[in-house]
Amino acid sequence: MMRISMSLPKKLLNEFDDVLKDRGYNSRSNGIRDALKDYIIRYQWMKEIEGDRMGVVSVIYDPHSTDVLENIMDIQHSFREEINATMHIHMSEKNCMEVIVVKGDANGIRDLTEQLIRLKGVEHVKLTTTVSTEKRS
């Protein structure tokens, strides 16, 4: 085993500790290992999707973060071929959600998702997809 050290905002650590308690973990290390495994699995799944897909990208962000909304819009304009619709939701004073309906090649959808994940001010991004089916006559 390797030992690591990390810094976390107090609020995030408190929320993580609450989850660990609710789930019956005996240590933070076990919880962090499981969280990292889940993160890796989700990344590998996203990396392996291929072909025509249809889905939803949900983005939670802090609208007060410098240029985050402008950056989200710029990315959306760059992926207008993959984006079918968007919806903006005011979640709270500190958070908004952008729901982006996508359809197209998995590579484009994955690139869109990855660009959104990297933005400063974005708190969470989740991609959910399914195989795109065309009605045949």
Protein backbone atom coordinates (compact mmCIF):
# COMPACT_ATOMS: atom_id res chain seq x y z
CA MET A 1 0.00 0.00 0.00
CA MET A 2 1.06 3.56 -0.73
CA ARG A 3 0.38 6.36 1.72
CA ILE A 4 -0.78 9.70 0.30
CA SER A 5 -1.72 13.06 1.73
CA MET A 6 -4.37 15.40 0.38
CA SER A 7 -5.98 18.73 1.18
CA LEU A 8 -9.75 19.10 1.04
CA PRO A 9 -12.14 21.95 1.79
CA LYS A 10 -13.66 21.49 5.25
CA LYS A 11 -17.21 21.32 3.86
CA LEU A 12 -16.31 18.54 1.43
CA LEU A 13 -14.55 16.54 4.14
CA ASN A 14 -17.54 16.93 6.49
CA GLU A 15 -19.90 15.75 3.74
CA PHE A 16 -17.61 12.80 2.99
CA ASP A 17 -17.46 11.87 6.69
CA ASP A 18 -21.29 11.96 6.84
CA VAL A 19 -21.49 9.58 3.87
CA LEU A 20 -18.92 7.25 5.44
CA LYS A 21 -20.91 7.18 8.68
CA ASP A 22 -24.20 6.51 6.84
CA ARG A 23 -22.62 3.68 4.86
CA GLY A 24 -20.93 2.12 7.87
CA TYR A 25 -17.29 2.65 6.90
CA ASN A 26 -14.72 2.23 9.67
CA SER A 27 -12.12 4.50 8.08
CA ARG A 28 -11.70 7.30 5.57
CA SER A 29 -9.11 5.22 3.73
CA ASN A 30 -11.66 2.56 2.80
CA GLY A 31 -14.13 5.20 1.68
CA ILE A 32 -11.51 7.01 -0.40
CA ARG A 33 -10.43 3.71 -2.02
CA ASP A 34 -14.03 2.93 -2.97
CA ALA A 35 -14.62 6.47 -4.26
CA LEU A 36 -11.47 6.28 -6.39
CA LYS A 37 -12.48 2.88 -7.79
CA ASP A 38 -15.90 4.29 -8.73
CA TYR A 39 -14.26 7.32 -10.38
CA ILE A 40 -11.93 5.09 -12.40
CA ILE A 41 -14.77 2.79 -13.49
CA ARG A 42 -16.91 5.75 -14.62
CA TYR A 43 -13.97 7.19 -16.56
CA GLN A 44 -13.19 3.85 -18.22
CA TRP A 45 -16.86 3.40 -19.13
CA MET A 46 -16.99 6.86 -20.70
CA LYS A 47 -13.74 6.20 -22.57
CA GLU A 48 -15.08 2.93 -24.02
CA ILE A 49 -18.41 4.15 -25.42
CA GLU A 50 -18.48 4.14 -29.20
CA GLY A 51 -20.77 4.51 -32.18
CA ASP A 52 -23.95 6.55 -32.42
CA ARG A 53 -25.19 7.51 -28.96
CA MET A 54 -27.97 9.56 -27.46
CA GLY A 55 -27.92 10.87 -23.93
CA VAL A 56 -27.79 13.62 -21.37
CA VAL A 57 -24.89 15.59 -19.94
CA SER A 58 -25.78 17.25 -16.64
CA VAL A 59 -23.49 20.03 -15.43
CA ILE A 60 -23.67 21.58 -11.97
CA TYR A 61 -21.74 24.81 -11.62
CA ASP A 62 -21.33 27.97 -9.59
CA PRO A 63 -22.76 30.80 -11.73
CA HIS A 64 -20.70 33.32 -9.75
CA SER A 65 -17.41 31.74 -10.80
CA THR A 66 -15.54 33.95 -13.25
CA ASP A 67 -16.50 33.27 -16.89
CA VAL A 68 -17.95 29.80 -16.19
CA LEU A 69 -21.27 30.47 -17.93
CA GLU A 70 -19.52 32.07 -20.91
CA ASN A 71 -17.14 29.10 -21.14
CA ILE A 72 -20.02 26.60 -20.97
CA MET A 73 -21.80 28.46 -23.78
CA ASP A 74 -18.62 28.57 -25.90
CA ILE A 75 -18.20 24.81 -25.53
CA GLN A 76 -21.85 24.23 -26.40
CA HIS A 77 -21.47 26.30 -29.56
CA SER A 78 -18.44 24.21 -30.53
CA PHE A 79 -20.54 21.03 -30.25
CA ARG A 80 -23.76 22.20 -31.89
CA GLU A 81 -23.75 19.10 -34.14
CA GLU A 82 -24.00 16.84 -31.08
CA ILE A 83 -26.33 19.02 -28.97
CA ASN A 84 -30.08 18.70 -29.57
CA ALA A 85 -31.38 20.77 -26.65
CA THR A 86 -30.35 22.45 -23.41
CA MET A 87 -32.17 23.42 -20.24
CA HIS A 88 -30.94 25.78 -17.53
CA ILE A 89 -32.08 25.21 -13.94
CA HIS A 90 -31.51 27.46 -10.92
CA MET A 91 -30.83 24.96 -8.14
CA SER A 92 -29.93 27.38 -5.36
CA GLU A 93 -28.25 30.71 -4.76
CA LYS A 94 -24.85 29.03 -5.30
CA ASN A 95 -25.56 26.42 -7.98
CA CYS A 96 -27.12 26.09 -11.40
CA MET A 97 -27.57 23.04 -13.58
CA GLU A 98 -27.27 22.82 -17.32
CA VAL A 99 -28.97 19.77 -18.83
CA ILE A 100 -27.67 19.06 -22.33
CA VAL A 101 -29.39 16.52 -24.58
CA VAL A 102 -26.90 15.01 -27.00
CA LYS A 103 -27.00 12.75 -30.04
CA GLY A 104 -24.16 11.74 -32.31
CA ASP A 105 -20.85 9.98 -32.42
CA ALA A 106 -19.54 8.89 -29.02
CA ASN A 107 -16.20 10.62 -29.62
CA GLY A 108 -17.84 14.03 -29.97
CA ILE A 109 -20.07 13.48 -26.94
CA ARG A 110 -17.07 12.35 -24.89
CA ASP A 111 -15.04 15.40 -25.98
CA LEU A 112 -17.91 17.71 -25.01
CA THR A 113 -18.15 16.06 -21.59
CA GLU A 114 -14.38 16.19 -20.98
CA GLN A 115 -14.19 19.89 -21.87
CA LEU A 116 -17.01 20.69 -19.45
CA ILE A 117 -15.37 18.67 -16.65
CA ARG A 118 -12.17 20.74 -16.93
CA LEU A 119 -13.86 24.13 -16.50
CA LYS A 120 -13.14 26.17 -13.39
CA GLY A 121 -16.38 26.70 -11.48
CA VAL A 122 -17.93 23.42 -12.62
CA GLU A 123 -18.74 21.31 -9.58
CA HIS A 124 -19.98 18.10 -11.21
CA VAL A 125 -20.56 16.63 -14.68
CA LYS A 126 -22.37 13.39 -15.41
CA LEU A 127 -22.84 11.74 -18.79
CA THR A 128 -25.59 9.20 -19.29
CA THR A 129 -25.92 7.61 -22.74
CA THR A 130 -27.64 4.86 -24.59
CA VAL A 131 -27.28 3.47 -28.08
CA SER A 132 -28.99 5.73 -30.59
CA THR A 133 -31.61 3.78 -32.50
CA GLU A 134 -32.95 4.87 -35.84
CA LYS A 135 -36.44 3.84 -36.83
CA ARG A 136 -36.25 1.60 -39.89
CA SER A 137 -39.02 1.10 -42.40
